[in-house]
Every structure is written in structure tokens, then in C-alpha cells.
């Protein structure tokens, strides 16, 4: 099966075009090397996938005939324990940073609020 098709079938990317763009951008490595979207994926192949700030190191277990639901797609590969722990730690760090960030108001400042902002920043 083609690499882009497998990534799409295993639900790492929503469309095949997004998978192709990630492969061409160097975000996906097959057996430790950059590859092309048409490269053959076989059971036992090693993949490293970067998506945003997350990274997966997986071993391909199953070559599916067609795209399956997400609950079944997780059985197409096996993730290394180190990769899983690293990814979970990254998600937790992002959650903590988001909670610690100051909340911006969700409304448009009134005329009085704008005047106060201008006074505070020194822009009159």
C-alpha cells in the first residue's frame, strides 16, 4: 500500500492530500529516511510522524484494504512506549501552559475601555 494511503487509512491525516503534503514536507520518515508519497508500506515498517508539536514513532502492523473507523484504525499500528509517554507529556505541558496564560476578554472593548487601554500603553 502507498504511504499516503496508509497514513490516511490509519487516520493520522483527514485527507490524502494532507498526508501527501506532510510527506513532501519531511514530516514523515519511513524506516528512518524521508520518502515519497508512493513508497510502499509493509507490515513491520517503522514510521516517525510529526504533526504540529506531536510526534509518533510507530511500527506498521496491518495493511488495511480500506479506511476503517478510528476505533479499528488504532490496531493498524503499534506505538513505542517511549513515544507514547513523550507525546502524553507534551499534551500535559500544553494544557498547563494554556491554563496559566492570561485570559483575554471575549467582548469588544467599550469606548471607556479603549481610553483606559490607550492611557495605560501611552498611545493617546
PDB file of N, CA and C in Angstrom:
ATOM      1  N   UNK A   1       0.854  -1.176   0.000  1.00  0.00           N
ATOM      2  CA  UNK A   1       0.000   0.000   0.000  1.00  0.00           C
ATOM      3  C   UNK A   1       0.896   1.234   0.000  1.00  0.00           C
ATOM      4  N   UNK A   2       0.435   2.296  -0.675  1.00  0.00           N
ATOM      5  CA  UNK A   2       1.164   3.559  -0.711  1.00  0.00           C
ATOM      6  C   UNK A   2       1.209   4.185   0.681  1.00  0.00           C
ATOM      7  N   UNK A   3       2.285   4.913   0.960  1.00  0.00           N
ATOM      8  CA  UNK A   3       2.462   5.543   2.261  1.00  0.00           C
ATOM      9  C   UNK A   3       1.359   6.550   2.550  1.00  0.00           C
ATOM     10  N   UNK A   4       1.010   7.391   1.571  1.00  0.00           N
ATOM     11  CA  UNK A   4      -0.037   8.397   1.802  1.00  0.00           C
ATOM     12  C   UNK A   4      -1.383   7.736   2.077  1.00  0.00           C
ATOM     13  N   UNK A   5      -1.680   6.651   1.385  1.00  0.00           N
ATOM     14  CA  UNK A   5      -2.942   5.938   1.603  1.00  0.00           C
ATOM     15  C   UNK A   5      -2.983   5.309   2.991  1.00  0.00           C
ATOM     16  N   UNK A   6      -1.851   4.750   3.427  1.00  0.00           N
ATOM     17  CA  UNK A   6      -1.822   4.116   4.750  1.00  0.00           C
ATOM     18  C   UNK A   6      -2.017   5.158   5.846  1.00  0.00           C
ATOM     19  N   UNK A   7      -1.348   6.304   5.736  1.00  0.00           N
ATOM     20  CA  UNK A   7      -1.500   7.362   6.741  1.00  0.00           C
ATOM     21  C   UNK A   7      -2.940   7.849   6.811  1.00  0.00           C
ATOM     22  N   UNK A   8      -3.595   7.945   5.664  1.00  0.00           N
ATOM     23  CA  UNK A   8      -4.996   8.360   5.599  1.00  0.00           C
ATOM     24  C   UNK A   8      -5.886   7.268   6.204  1.00  0.00           C
ATOM     25  N   UNK A   9      -5.631   6.003   5.854  1.00  0.00           N
ATOM     26  CA  UNK A   9      -6.448   4.889   6.348  1.00  0.00           C
ATOM     27  C   UNK A   9      -6.279   4.708   7.858  1.00  0.00           C
ATOM     28  N   UNK A  10      -5.078   4.979   8.381  1.00  0.00           N
ATOM     29  CA  UNK A  10      -4.822   4.834   9.811  1.00  0.00           C
ATOM     30  C   UNK A  10      -5.257   6.085  10.577  1.00  0.00           C
ATOM     31  N   UNK A  11      -5.826   7.049   9.874  1.00  0.00           N
ATOM     32  CA  UNK A  11      -6.421   8.260  10.451  1.00  0.00           C
ATOM     33  C   UNK A  11      -5.422   9.187  11.133  1.00  0.00           C
ATOM     34  N   UNK A  12      -4.209   9.241  10.591  1.00  0.00           N
ATOM     35  CA  UNK A  12      -3.264  10.253  11.056  1.00  0.00           C
ATOM     36  C   UNK A  12      -3.561  11.580  10.364  1.00  0.00           C
ATOM     37  N   UNK A  13      -4.130  11.520   9.153  1.00  0.00           N
ATOM     38  CA  UNK A  13      -4.485  12.718   8.411  1.00  0.00           C
ATOM     39  C   UNK A  13      -5.910  12.578   7.892  1.00  0.00           C
ATOM     40  N   UNK A  14      -6.614  13.716   7.838  1.00  0.00           N
ATOM     41  CA  UNK A  14      -8.022  13.714   7.464  1.00  0.00           C
ATOM     42  C   UNK A  14      -8.214  13.417   5.975  1.00  0.00           C
ATOM     43  N   UNK A  15      -7.276  13.883   5.148  1.00  0.00           N
ATOM     44  CA  UNK A  15      -7.364  13.634   3.703  1.00  0.00           C
ATOM     45  C   UNK A  15      -6.027  13.106   3.198  1.00  0.00           C
ATOM     46  N   UNK A  16      -6.058  12.489   2.037  1.00  0.00           N
ATOM     47  CA  UNK A  16      -4.816  12.003   1.430  1.00  0.00           C
ATOM     48  C   UNK A  16      -3.941  13.170   1.016  1.00  0.00           C
ATOM     49  N   UNK A  17      -4.548  14.276   0.608  1.00  0.00           N
ATOM     50  CA  UNK A  17      -3.773  15.441   0.209  1.00  0.00           C
ATOM     51  C   UNK A  17      -2.966  15.995   1.384  1.00  0.00           C
ATOM     52  N   UNK A  18      -3.548  16.021   2.568  1.00  0.00           N
ATOM     53  CA  UNK A  18      -2.811  16.465   3.759  1.00  0.00           C
ATOM     54  C   UNK A  18      -1.663  15.508   4.064  1.00  0.00           C
ATOM     55  N   UNK A  19      -1.887  14.214   3.871  1.00  0.00           N
ATOM     56  CA  UNK A  19      -0.828  13.227   4.074  1.00  0.00           C
ATOM     57  C   UNK A  19       0.302  13.440   3.073  1.00  0.00           C
ATOM     58  N   UNK A  20      -0.036  13.712   1.825  1.00  0.00           N
ATOM     59  CA  UNK A  20       0.972  13.954   0.785  1.00  0.00           C
ATOM     60  C   UNK A  20       1.795  15.193   1.129  1.00  0.00           C
ATOM     61  N   UNK A  21       1.124  16.268   1.571  1.00  0.00           N
ATOM     62  CA  UNK A  21       1.833  17.492   1.920  1.00  0.00           C
ATOM     63  C   UNK A  21       2.783  17.262   3.100  1.00  0.00           C
ATOM     64  N   UNK A  22       2.364  16.469   4.076  1.00  0.00           N
ATOM     65  CA  UNK A  22       3.222  16.161   5.227  1.00  0.00           C
ATOM     66  C   UNK A  22       4.433  15.336   4.792  1.00  0.00           C
ATOM     67  N   UNK A  23       4.219  14.367   3.925  1.00  0.00           N
ATOM     68  CA  UNK A  23       5.326  13.528   3.446  1.00  0.00           C
ATOM     69  C   UNK A  23       6.321  14.372   2.658  1.00  0.00           C
ATOM     70  N   UNK A  24       5.815  15.188   1.733  1.00  0.00           N
ATOM     71  CA  UNK A  24       6.695  16.035   0.927  1.00  0.00           C
ATOM     72  C   UNK A  24       7.399  17.089   1.774  1.00  0.00           C
ATOM     73  N   UNK A  25       6.791  17.497   2.875  1.00  0.00           N
ATOM     74  CA  UNK A  25       7.391  18.488   3.767  1.00  0.00           C
ATOM     75  C   UNK A  25       8.385  17.896   4.745  1.00  0.00           C
ATOM     76  N   UNK A  26       8.625  16.598   4.692  1.00  0.00           N
ATOM     77  CA  UNK A  26       9.607  15.960   5.564  1.00  0.00           C
ATOM     78  C   UNK A  26       9.092  15.654   6.953  1.00  0.00           C
ATOM     79  N   UNK A  27       7.784  15.637   7.135  1.00  0.00           N
ATOM     80  CA  UNK A  27       7.198  15.374   8.446  1.00  0.00           C
ATOM     81  C   UNK A  27       7.000  13.891   8.713  1.00  0.00           C
ATOM     82  N   UNK A  28       7.182  13.065   7.694  1.00  0.00           N
ATOM     83  CA  UNK A  28       7.004  11.616   7.835  1.00  0.00           C
ATOM     84  C   UNK A  28       8.264  10.921   7.348  1.00  0.00           C
ATOM     85  N   UNK A  29       8.825  10.052   8.188  1.00  0.00           N
ATOM     86  CA  UNK A  29      10.006   9.271   7.822  1.00  0.00           C
ATOM     87  C   UNK A  29       9.647   7.792   7.841  1.00  0.00           C
ATOM     88  N   UNK A  30      10.016   7.098   6.782  1.00  0.00           N
ATOM     89  CA  UNK A  30       9.769   5.663   6.656  1.00  0.00           C
ATOM     90  C   UNK A  30      11.097   4.948   6.836  1.00  0.00           C
ATOM     91  N   UNK A  31      11.183   4.087   7.833  1.00  0.00           N
ATOM     92  CA  UNK A  31      12.414   3.348   8.150  1.00  0.00           C
ATOM     93  C   UNK A  31      13.617   4.282   8.306  1.00  0.00           C
ATOM     94  N   UNK A  32      13.394   5.431   8.952  1.00  0.00           N
ATOM     95  CA  UNK A  32      14.485   6.358   9.253  1.00  0.00           C
ATOM     96  C   UNK A  32      14.874   7.293   8.142  1.00  0.00           C
ATOM     97  N   UNK A  33      14.182   7.264   6.997  1.00  0.00           N
ATOM     98  CA  UNK A  33      14.542   8.119   5.869  1.00  0.00           C
ATOM     99  C   UNK A  33      13.314   8.826   5.334  1.00  0.00           C
ATOM    100  N   UNK A  34      13.553  10.032   4.769  1.00  0.00           N
ATOM    101  CA  UNK A  34      12.453  10.724   4.085  1.00  0.00           C
ATOM    102  C   UNK A  34      12.031   9.883   2.897  1.00  0.00           C
ATOM    103  N   UNK A  35      10.779   9.975   2.542  1.00  0.00           N
ATOM    104  CA  UNK A  35      10.301   9.168   1.425  1.00  0.00           C
ATOM    105  C   UNK A  35       9.302   9.964   0.615  1.00  0.00           C
ATOM    106  N   UNK A  36       8.815   9.319  -0.429  1.00  0.00           N
ATOM    107  CA  UNK A  36       7.810   9.928  -1.296  1.00  0.00           C
ATOM    108  C   UNK A  36       6.447   9.321  -0.979  1.00  0.00           C
ATOM    109  N   UNK A  37       5.354  10.011  -1.366  1.00  0.00           N
ATOM    110  CA  UNK A  37       4.003   9.507  -1.053  1.00  0.00           C
ATOM    111  C   UNK A  37       3.699   8.134  -1.638  1.00  0.00           C
ATOM    112  N   UNK A  38       4.320   7.770  -2.753  1.00  0.00           N
ATOM    113  CA  UNK A  38       4.034   6.498  -3.405  1.00  0.00           C
ATOM    114  C   UNK A  38       4.854   5.330  -2.892  1.00  0.00           C
ATOM    115  N   UNK A  39       5.702   5.561  -1.906  1.00  0.00           N
ATOM    116  CA  UNK A  39       6.564   4.497  -1.373  1.00  0.00           C
ATOM    117  C   UNK A  39       5.702   3.409  -0.725  1.00  0.00           C
ATOM    118  N   UNK A  40       6.088   2.158  -0.936  1.00  0.00           N
ATOM    119  CA  UNK A  40       5.328   1.026  -0.404  1.00  0.00           C
ATOM    120  C   UNK A  40       5.533   0.876   1.102  1.00  0.00           C
ATOM    121  N   UNK A  41       4.437   0.669   1.825  1.00  0.00           N
ATOM    122  CA  UNK A  41       4.480   0.401   3.258  1.00  0.00           C
ATOM    123  C   UNK A  41       4.121  -1.063   3.449  1.00  0.00           C
ATOM    124  N   UNK A  42       4.919  -1.745   4.273  1.00  0.00           N
ATOM    125  CA  UNK A  42       4.674  -3.158   4.547  1.00  0.00           C
ATOM    126  C   UNK A  42       4.553  -3.362   6.040  1.00  0.00           C
ATOM    127  N   UNK A  43       3.984  -4.470   6.445  1.00  0.00           N
ATOM    128  CA  UNK A  43       3.906  -4.797   7.872  1.00  0.00           C
ATOM    129  C   UNK A  43       5.331  -4.884   8.406  1.00  0.00           C
ATOM    130  N   UNK A  44       5.566  -4.219   9.537  1.00  0.00           N
ATOM    131  CA  UNK A  44       6.900  -4.197  10.126  1.00  0.00           C
ATOM    132  C   UNK A  44       7.677  -2.931   9.814  1.00  0.00           C
ATOM    133  N   UNK A  45       7.173  -2.099   8.931  1.00  0.00           N
ATOM    134  CA  UNK A  45       7.841  -0.842   8.603  1.00  0.00           C
ATOM    135  C   UNK A  45       7.802   0.096   9.803  1.00  0.00           C
ATOM    136  N   UNK A  46       8.867   0.869   9.978  1.00  0.00           N
ATOM    137  CA  UNK A  46       8.956   1.847  11.062  1.00  0.00           C
ATOM    138  C   UNK A  46       8.604   3.223  10.505  1.00  0.00           C
ATOM    139  N   UNK A  47       7.726   3.945  11.186  1.00  0.00           N
ATOM    140  CA  UNK A  47       7.340   5.289  10.769  1.00  0.00           C
ATOM    141  C   UNK A  47       7.546   6.265  11.913  1.00  0.00           C
ATOM    142  N   UNK A  48       8.013   7.472  11.562  1.00  0.00           N
ATOM    143  CA  UNK A  48       8.063   8.575  12.518  1.00  0.00           C
ATOM    144  C   UNK A  48       7.235   9.692  11.898  1.00  0.00           C
ATOM    145  N   UNK A  49       6.210  10.137  12.608  1.00  0.00           N
ATOM    146  CA  UNK A  49       5.256  11.113  12.091  1.00  0.00           C
ATOM    147  C   UNK A  49       5.257  12.334  12.992  1.00  0.00           C
ATOM    148  N   UNK A  50       5.512  13.512  12.408  1.00  0.00           N
ATOM    149  CA  UNK A  50       5.425  14.794  13.126  1.00  0.00           C
ATOM    150  C   UNK A  50       4.153  15.480  12.660  1.00  0.00           C
ATOM    151  N   UNK A  51       3.342  15.890  13.604  1.00  0.00           N
ATOM    152  CA  UNK A  51       2.105  16.598  13.271  1.00  0.00           C
ATOM    153  C   UNK A  51       1.923  17.684  14.316  1.00  0.00           C
ATOM    154  N   UNK A  52       2.176  18.924  13.916  1.00  0.00           N
ATOM    155  CA  UNK A  52       2.152  20.026  14.866  1.00  0.00           C
ATOM    156  C   UNK A  52       3.309  19.864  15.828  1.00  0.00           C
ATOM    157  N   UNK A  53       3.043  19.889  17.111  1.00  0.00           N
ATOM    158  CA  UNK A  53       4.103  19.707  18.101  1.00  0.00           C
ATOM    159  C   UNK A  53       4.172  18.258  18.589  1.00  0.00           C
ATOM    160  N   UNK A  54       3.345  17.392  18.041  1.00  0.00           N
ATOM    161  CA  UNK A  54       3.302  15.990  18.471  1.00  0.00           C
ATOM    162  C   UNK A  54       4.121  15.108  17.539  1.00  0.00           C
ATOM    163  N   UNK A  55       4.597  14.004  18.077  1.00  0.00           N
ATOM    164  CA  UNK A  55       5.397  13.067  17.290  1.00  0.00           C
ATOM    165  C   UNK A  55       5.034  11.637  17.675  1.00  0.00           C
ATOM    166  N   UNK A  56       4.890  10.783  16.670  1.00  0.00           N
ATOM    167  CA  UNK A  56       4.608   9.357  16.880  1.00  0.00           C
ATOM    168  C   UNK A  56       5.761   8.561  16.289  1.00  0.00           C
ATOM    169  N   UNK A  57       6.191   7.525  16.998  1.00  0.00           N
ATOM    170  CA  UNK A  57       7.124   6.534  16.469  1.00  0.00           C
ATOM    171  C   UNK A  57       6.376   5.213  16.509  1.00  0.00           C
ATOM    172  N   UNK A  58       6.056   4.696  15.340  1.00  0.00           N
ATOM    173  CA  UNK A  58       5.180   3.526  15.270  1.00  0.00           C
ATOM    174  C   UNK A  58       5.761   2.437  14.388  1.00  0.00           C
ATOM    175  N   UNK A  59       5.240   1.249  14.562  1.00  0.00           N
ATOM    176  CA  UNK A  59       5.539   0.114  13.700  1.00  0.00           C
ATOM    177  C   UNK A  59       4.233  -0.312  13.049  1.00  0.00           C
ATOM    178  N   UNK A  60       4.246  -0.438  11.738  1.00  0.00           N
ATOM    179  CA  UNK A  60       3.048  -0.836  10.990  1.00  0.00           C
ATOM    180  C   UNK A  60       2.772  -2.310  11.275  1.00  0.00           C
ATOM    181  N   UNK A  61       1.547  -2.618  11.677  1.00  0.00           N
ATOM    182  CA  UNK A  61       1.151  -3.999  11.961  1.00  0.00           C
ATOM    183  C   UNK A  61       0.253  -4.564  10.872  1.00  0.00           C
ATOM    184  N   UNK A  62      -0.675  -3.745  10.362  1.00  0.00           N
ATOM    185  CA  UNK A  62      -1.685  -4.230   9.420  1.00  0.00           C
ATOM    186  C   UNK A  62      -1.745  -3.298   8.218  1.00  0.00           C
ATOM    187  N   UNK A  63      -1.901  -3.882   7.051  1.00  0.00           N
ATOM    188  CA  UNK A  63      -2.151  -3.115   5.834  1.00  0.00           C
ATOM    189  C   UNK A  63      -3.642  -3.275   5.526  1.00  0.00           C
ATOM    190  N   UNK A  64      -4.453  -2.222   5.776  1.00  0.00           N
ATOM    191  CA  UNK A  64      -5.903  -2.364   5.600  1.00  0.00           C
ATOM    192  C   UNK A  64      -6.310  -2.346   4.134  1.00  0.00           C
ATOM    193  N   UNK A  65      -7.444  -2.961   3.851  1.00  0.00           N
ATOM    194  CA  UNK A  65      -7.991  -2.943   2.488  1.00  0.00           C
ATOM    195  C   UNK A  65      -8.681  -1.611   2.199  1.00  0.00           C
ATOM    196  N   UNK A  66      -9.253  -1.005   3.250  1.00  0.00           N
ATOM    197  CA  UNK A  66      -9.955   0.270   3.106  1.00  0.00           C
ATOM    198  C   UNK A  66      -9.882   1.038   4.416  1.00  0.00           C
ATOM    199  N   UNK A  67     -10.293   2.294   4.392  1.00  0.00           N
ATOM    200  CA  UNK A  67     -10.283   3.115   5.597  1.00  0.00           C
ATOM    201  C   UNK A  67     -11.357   2.617   6.566  1.00  0.00           C
ATOM    202  N   UNK A  68     -10.994   2.489   7.825  1.00  0.00           N
ATOM    203  CA  UNK A  68     -11.891   1.966   8.839  1.00  0.00           C
ATOM    204  C   UNK A  68     -12.134   3.021   9.907  1.00  0.00           C
ATOM    205  N   UNK A  69     -13.123   2.815  10.786  1.00  0.00           N
ATOM    206  CA  UNK A  69     -13.359   3.758  11.884  1.00  0.00           C
ATOM    207  C   UNK A  69     -12.123   3.882  12.787  1.00  0.00           C
ATOM    208  N   UNK A  70     -12.051   5.001  13.504  1.00  0.00           N
ATOM    209  CA  UNK A  70     -10.891   5.283  14.349  1.00  0.00           C
ATOM    210  C   UNK A  70     -10.665   4.193  15.392  1.00  0.00           C
ATOM    211  N   UNK A  71     -11.734   3.619  15.909  1.00  0.00           N
ATOM    212  CA  UNK A  71     -11.595   2.557  16.910  1.00  0.00           C
ATOM    213  C   UNK A  71     -10.868   1.339  16.334  1.00  0.00           C
ATOM    214  N   UNK A  72     -11.062   1.066  15.059  1.00  0.00           N
ATOM    215  CA  UNK A  72     -10.373  -0.047  14.413  1.00  0.00           C
ATOM    216  C   UNK A  72      -9.008   0.365  13.886  1.00  0.00           C
ATOM    217  N   UNK A  73      -8.860   1.634  13.509  1.00  0.00           N
ATOM    218  CA  UNK A  73      -7.612   2.108  12.907  1.00  0.00           C
ATOM    219  C   UNK A  73      -6.444   2.066  13.886  1.00  0.00           C
ATOM    220  N   UNK A  74      -6.714   2.151  15.181  1.00  0.00           N
ATOM    221  CA  UNK A  74      -5.601   2.104  16.145  1.00  0.00           C
ATOM    222  C   UNK A  74      -4.935   0.730  16.193  1.00  0.00           C
ATOM    223  N   UNK A  75      -5.575  -0.271  15.631  1.00  0.00           N
ATOM    224  CA  UNK A  75      -4.982  -1.605  15.584  1.00  0.00           C
ATOM    225  C   UNK A  75      -4.098  -1.798  14.354  1.00  0.00           C
ATOM    226  N   UNK A  76      -4.011  -0.800  13.476  1.00  0.00           N
ATOM    227  CA  UNK A  76      -3.177  -0.887  12.273  1.00  0.00           C
ATOM    228  C   UNK A  76      -1.703  -0.684  12.596  1.00  0.00           C
ATOM    229  N   UNK A  77      -1.404  -0.155  13.786  1.00  0.00           N
ATOM    230  CA  UNK A  77      -0.017   0.153  14.140  1.00  0.00           C
ATOM    231  C   UNK A  77       0.203  -0.072  15.627  1.00  0.00           C
ATOM    232  N   UNK A  78       1.474  -0.104  15.984  1.00  0.00           N
ATOM    233  CA  UNK A  78       1.859  -0.250  17.385  1.00  0.00           C
ATOM    234  C   UNK A  78       2.837   0.876  17.702  1.00  0.00           C
ATOM    235  N   UNK A  79       2.492   1.687  18.690  1.00  0.00           N
ATOM    236  CA  UNK A  79       3.340   2.818  19.066  1.00  0.00           C
ATOM    237  C   UNK A  79       4.308   2.386  20.155  1.00  0.00           C
ATOM    238  N   UNK A  80       5.540   2.895  20.065  1.00  0.00           N
ATOM    239  CA  UNK A  80       6.519   2.564  21.104  1.00  0.00           C
ATOM    240  C   UNK A  80       6.116   3.232  22.411  1.00  0.00           C
ATOM    241  N   UNK A  81       6.483   2.608  23.511  1.00  0.00           N
ATOM    242  CA  UNK A  81       6.131   3.130  24.840  1.00  0.00           C
ATOM    243  C   UNK A  81       6.770   4.494  25.079  1.00  0.00           C
ATOM    244  N   UNK A  82       8.014   4.643  24.665  1.00  0.00           N
ATOM    245  CA  UNK A  82       8.715   5.916  24.836  1.00  0.00           C
ATOM    246  C   UNK A  82       8.010   7.029  24.065  1.00  0.00           C
ATOM    247  N   UNK A  83       7.572   6.748  22.861  1.00  0.00           N
ATOM    248  CA  UNK A  83       6.861   7.734  22.045  1.00  0.00           C
ATOM    249  C   UNK A  83       5.546   8.138  22.697  1.00  0.00           C
ATOM    250  N   UNK A  84       4.822   7.165  23.216  1.00  0.00           N
ATOM    251  CA  UNK A  84       3.532   7.442  23.843  1.00  0.00           C
ATOM    252  C   UNK A  84       3.698   8.321  25.080  1.00  0.00           C
ATOM    253  N   UNK A  85       4.681   7.989  25.919  1.00  0.00           N
ATOM    254  CA  UNK A  85       4.923   8.780  27.125  1.00  0.00           C
ATOM    255  C   UNK A  85       5.358  10.204  26.788  1.00  0.00           C
ATOM    256  N   UNK A  86       6.212  10.333  25.789  1.00  0.00           N
ATOM    257  CA  UNK A  86       6.692  11.653  25.368  1.00  0.00           C
ATOM    258  C   UNK A  86       5.531  12.507  24.838  1.00  0.00           C
ATOM    259  N   UNK A  87       4.665  11.905  24.045  1.00  0.00           N
ATOM    260  CA  UNK A  87       3.508  12.614  23.472  1.00  0.00           C
ATOM    261  C   UNK A  87       2.527  13.020  24.569  1.00  0.00           C
ATOM    262  N   UNK A  88       2.251  12.127  25.518  1.00  0.00           N
ATOM    263  CA  UNK A  88       1.351  12.461  26.623  1.00  0.00           C
ATOM    264  C   UNK A  88       1.917  13.584  27.483  1.00  0.00           C
ATOM    265  N   UNK A  89       3.237  13.581  27.706  1.00  0.00           N
ATOM    266  CA  UNK A  89       3.877  14.652  28.478  1.00  0.00           C
ATOM    267  C   UNK A  89       3.760  15.984  27.741  1.00  0.00           C
ATOM    268  N   UNK A  90       3.933  15.969  26.421  1.00  0.00           N
ATOM    269  CA  UNK A  90       3.820  17.194  25.622  1.00  0.00           C
ATOM    270  C   UNK A  90       2.392  17.748  25.700  1.00  0.00           C
ATOM    271  N   UNK A  91       1.397  16.883  25.626  1.00  0.00           N
ATOM    272  CA  UNK A  91       0.000  17.315  25.721  1.00  0.00           C
ATOM    273  C   UNK A  91      -0.279  17.918  27.090  1.00  0.00           C
ATOM    274  N   UNK A  92       0.246  17.286  28.147  1.00  0.00           N
ATOM    275  CA  UNK A  92       0.045  17.800  29.504  1.00  0.00           C
ATOM    276  C   UNK A  92       0.718  19.161  29.683  1.00  0.00           C
ATOM    277  N   UNK A  93       1.932  19.318  29.124  1.00  0.00           N
ATOM    278  CA  UNK A  93       2.631  20.607  29.199  1.00  0.00           C
ATOM    279  C   UNK A  93       1.836  21.700  28.488  1.00  0.00           C
ATOM    280  N   UNK A  94       1.278  21.384  27.324  1.00  0.00           N
ATOM    281  CA  UNK A  94       0.468  22.356  26.592  1.00  0.00           C
ATOM    282  C   UNK A  94      -0.780  22.726  27.379  1.00  0.00           C
ATOM    283  N   UNK A  95      -1.398  21.756  28.033  1.00  0.00           N
ATOM    284  CA  UNK A  95      -2.593  22.009  28.841  1.00  0.00           C
ATOM    285  C   UNK A  95      -2.261  22.946  30.007  1.00  0.00           C
ATOM    286  N   UNK A  96      -1.127  22.739  30.659  1.00  0.00           N
ATOM    287  CA  UNK A  96      -0.707  23.590  31.775  1.00  0.00           C
ATOM    288  C   UNK A  96      -0.412  25.003  31.293  1.00  0.00           C
ATOM    289  N   UNK A  97       0.286  25.130  30.169  1.00  0.00           N
ATOM    290  CA  UNK A  97       0.591  26.459  29.621  1.00  0.00           C
ATOM    291  C   UNK A  97      -0.677  27.211  29.248  1.00  0.00           C
ATOM    292  N   UNK A  98      -1.631  26.507  28.680  1.00  0.00           N
ATOM    293  CA  UNK A  98      -2.890  27.143  28.295  1.00  0.00           C
ATOM    294  C   UNK A  98      -3.662  27.615  29.522  1.00  0.00           C
ATOM    295  N   UNK A  99      -3.644  26.825  30.588  1.00  0.00           N
ATOM    296  CA  UNK A  99      -4.350  27.205  31.806  1.00  0.00           C
ATOM    297  C   UNK A  99      -3.675  28.381  32.498  1.00  0.00           C
ATOM    298  N   UNK A 100      -2.344  28.494  32.379  1.00  0.00           N
ATOM    299  CA  UNK A 100      -1.606  29.568  33.043  1.00  0.00           C
ATOM    300  C   UNK A 100      -1.640  30.880  32.255  1.00  0.00           C
ATOM    301  N   UNK A 101      -1.967  30.811  30.982  1.00  0.00           N
ATOM    302  CA  UNK A 101      -1.984  32.014  30.147  1.00  0.00           C
ATOM    303  C   UNK A 101      -3.128  32.934  30.569  1.00  0.00           C
ATOM    304  N   UNK A 102      -2.878  34.244  30.547  1.00  0.00           N
ATOM    305  CA  UNK A 102      -3.961  35.157  30.931  1.00  0.00           C
ATOM    306  C   UNK A 102      -5.104  35.100  29.922  1.00  0.00           C
ATOM    307  N   UNK A 103      -6.300  35.198  30.438  1.00  0.00           N
ATOM    308  CA  UNK A 103      -7.498  35.137  29.590  1.00  0.00           C
ATOM    309  C   UNK A 103      -7.771  36.519  29.006  1.00  0.00           C
ATOM    310  N   UNK A 104      -7.965  36.556  27.719  1.00  0.00           N
ATOM    311  CA  UNK A 104      -8.321  37.800  27.042  1.00  0.00           C
ATOM    312  C   UNK A 104      -9.838  37.943  27.097  1.00  0.00           C
ATOM    313  N   UNK A 105     -10.327  39.172  27.214  1.00  0.00           N
ATOM    314  CA  UNK A 105     -11.791  39.345  27.236  1.00  0.00           C
ATOM    315  C   UNK A 105     -12.393  38.893  25.906  1.00  0.00           C
ATOM    316  N   UNK A 106     -13.580  38.346  25.986  1.00  0.00           N
ATOM    317  CA  UNK A 106     -14.238  37.822  24.790  1.00  0.00           C
ATOM    318  C   UNK A 106     -15.192  38.835  24.179  1.00  0.00           C
ATOM    319  N   UNK A 107     -15.136  40.081  24.674  1.00  0.00           N
ATOM    320  CA  UNK A 107     -16.031  41.107  24.154  1.00  0.00           C
ATOM    321  C   UNK A 107     -15.208  42.253  23.586  1.00  0.00           C
ATOM    322  N   UNK A 108     -15.854  43.068  22.769  1.00  0.00           N
ATOM    323  CA  UNK A 108     -15.199  44.225  22.184  1.00  0.00           C
ATOM    324  C   UNK A 108     -15.106  45.316  23.248  1.00  0.00           C
ATOM    325  N   UNK A 109     -13.910  45.940  23.407  1.00  0.00           N
ATOM    326  CA  UNK A 109     -13.790  46.988  24.421  1.00  0.00           C
ATOM    327  C   UNK A 109     -14.723  48.166  24.122  1.00  0.00           C
ATOM    328  N   UNK A 110     -15.276  48.717  25.194  1.00  0.00           N
ATOM    329  CA  UNK A 110     -16.135  49.896  25.036  1.00  0.00           C
ATOM    330  C   UNK A 110     -15.241  51.126  24.829  1.00  0.00           C
ATOM    331  N   UNK A 111     -15.874  52.265  24.581  1.00  0.00           N
ATOM    332  CA  UNK A 111     -15.125  53.495  24.372  1.00  0.00           C
ATOM    333  C   UNK A 111     -14.287  53.814  25.615  1.00  0.00           C
ATOM    334  N   UNK A 112     -14.875  53.629  26.782  1.00  0.00           N
ATOM    335  CA  UNK A 112     -14.167  53.881  28.039  1.00  0.00           C
ATOM    336  C   UNK A 112     -12.987  52.907  28.196  1.00  0.00           C
ATOM    337  N   UNK A 113     -13.217  51.618  27.867  1.00  0.00           N
ATOM    338  CA  UNK A 113     -12.147  50.626  27.952  1.00  0.00           C
ATOM    339  C   UNK A 113     -10.996  50.986  27.015  1.00  0.00           C
ATOM    340  N   UNK A 114     -11.306  51.436  25.798  1.00  0.00           N
ATOM    341  CA  UNK A 114     -10.260  51.816  24.847  1.00  0.00           C
ATOM    342  C   UNK A 114      -9.446  52.986  25.364  1.00  0.00           C
ATOM    343  N   UNK A 115     -10.115  53.966  25.961  1.00  0.00           N
ATOM    344  CA  UNK A 115      -9.397  55.105  26.527  1.00  0.00           C
ATOM    345  C   UNK A 115      -8.444  54.657  27.627  1.00  0.00           C
ATOM    346  N   UNK A 116      -8.907  53.747  28.467  1.00  0.00           N
ATOM    347  CA  UNK A 116      -8.054  53.237  29.538  1.00  0.00           C
ATOM    348  C   UNK A 116      -6.861  52.464  28.972  1.00  0.00           C
ATOM    349  N   UNK A 117      -7.086  51.710  27.930  1.00  0.00           N
ATOM    350  CA  UNK A 117      -6.004  50.956  27.279  1.00  0.00           C
ATOM    351  C   UNK A 117      -4.974  51.923  26.703  1.00  0.00           C
ATOM    352  N   UNK A 118      -5.473  52.977  26.032  1.00  0.00           N
ATOM    353  CA  UNK A 118      -4.567  53.973  25.442  1.00  0.00           C
ATOM    354  C   UNK A 118      -3.762  54.692  26.522  1.00  0.00           C
ATOM    355  N   UNK A 119      -4.391  55.025  27.627  1.00  0.00           N
ATOM    356  CA  UNK A 119      -3.676  55.673  28.739  1.00  0.00           C
ATOM    357  C   UNK A 119      -2.590  54.749  29.300  1.00  0.00           C
ATOM    358  N   UNK A 120      -2.938  53.481  29.450  1.00  0.00           N
ATOM    359  CA  UNK A 120      -2.004  52.514  30.037  1.00  0.00           C
ATOM    360  C   UNK A 120      -0.799  52.286  29.119  1.00  0.00           C
ATOM    361  N   UNK A 121      -1.055  52.185  27.807  1.00  0.00           N
ATOM    362  CA  UNK A 121       0.035  51.907  26.865  1.00  0.00           C
ATOM    363  C   UNK A 121       0.757  53.167  26.438  1.00  0.00           C
ATOM    364  N   UNK A 122       0.213  54.336  26.748  1.00  0.00           N
ATOM    365  CA  UNK A 122       0.880  55.591  26.385  1.00  0.00           C
ATOM    366  C   UNK A 122       0.573  56.042  24.975  1.00  0.00           C
ATOM    367  N   UNK A 123      -0.420  55.463  24.361  1.00  0.00           N
ATOM    368  CA  UNK A 123      -0.809  55.840  22.993  1.00  0.00           C
ATOM    369  C   UNK A 123      -2.050  56.698  23.086  1.00  0.00           C
ATOM    370  N   UNK A 124      -1.890  57.977  22.942  1.00  0.00           N
ATOM    371  CA  UNK A 124      -3.021  58.898  23.022  1.00  0.00           C
ATOM    372  C   UNK A 124      -3.449  59.353  21.659  1.00  0.00           C
TER     373      UNK A 124
END
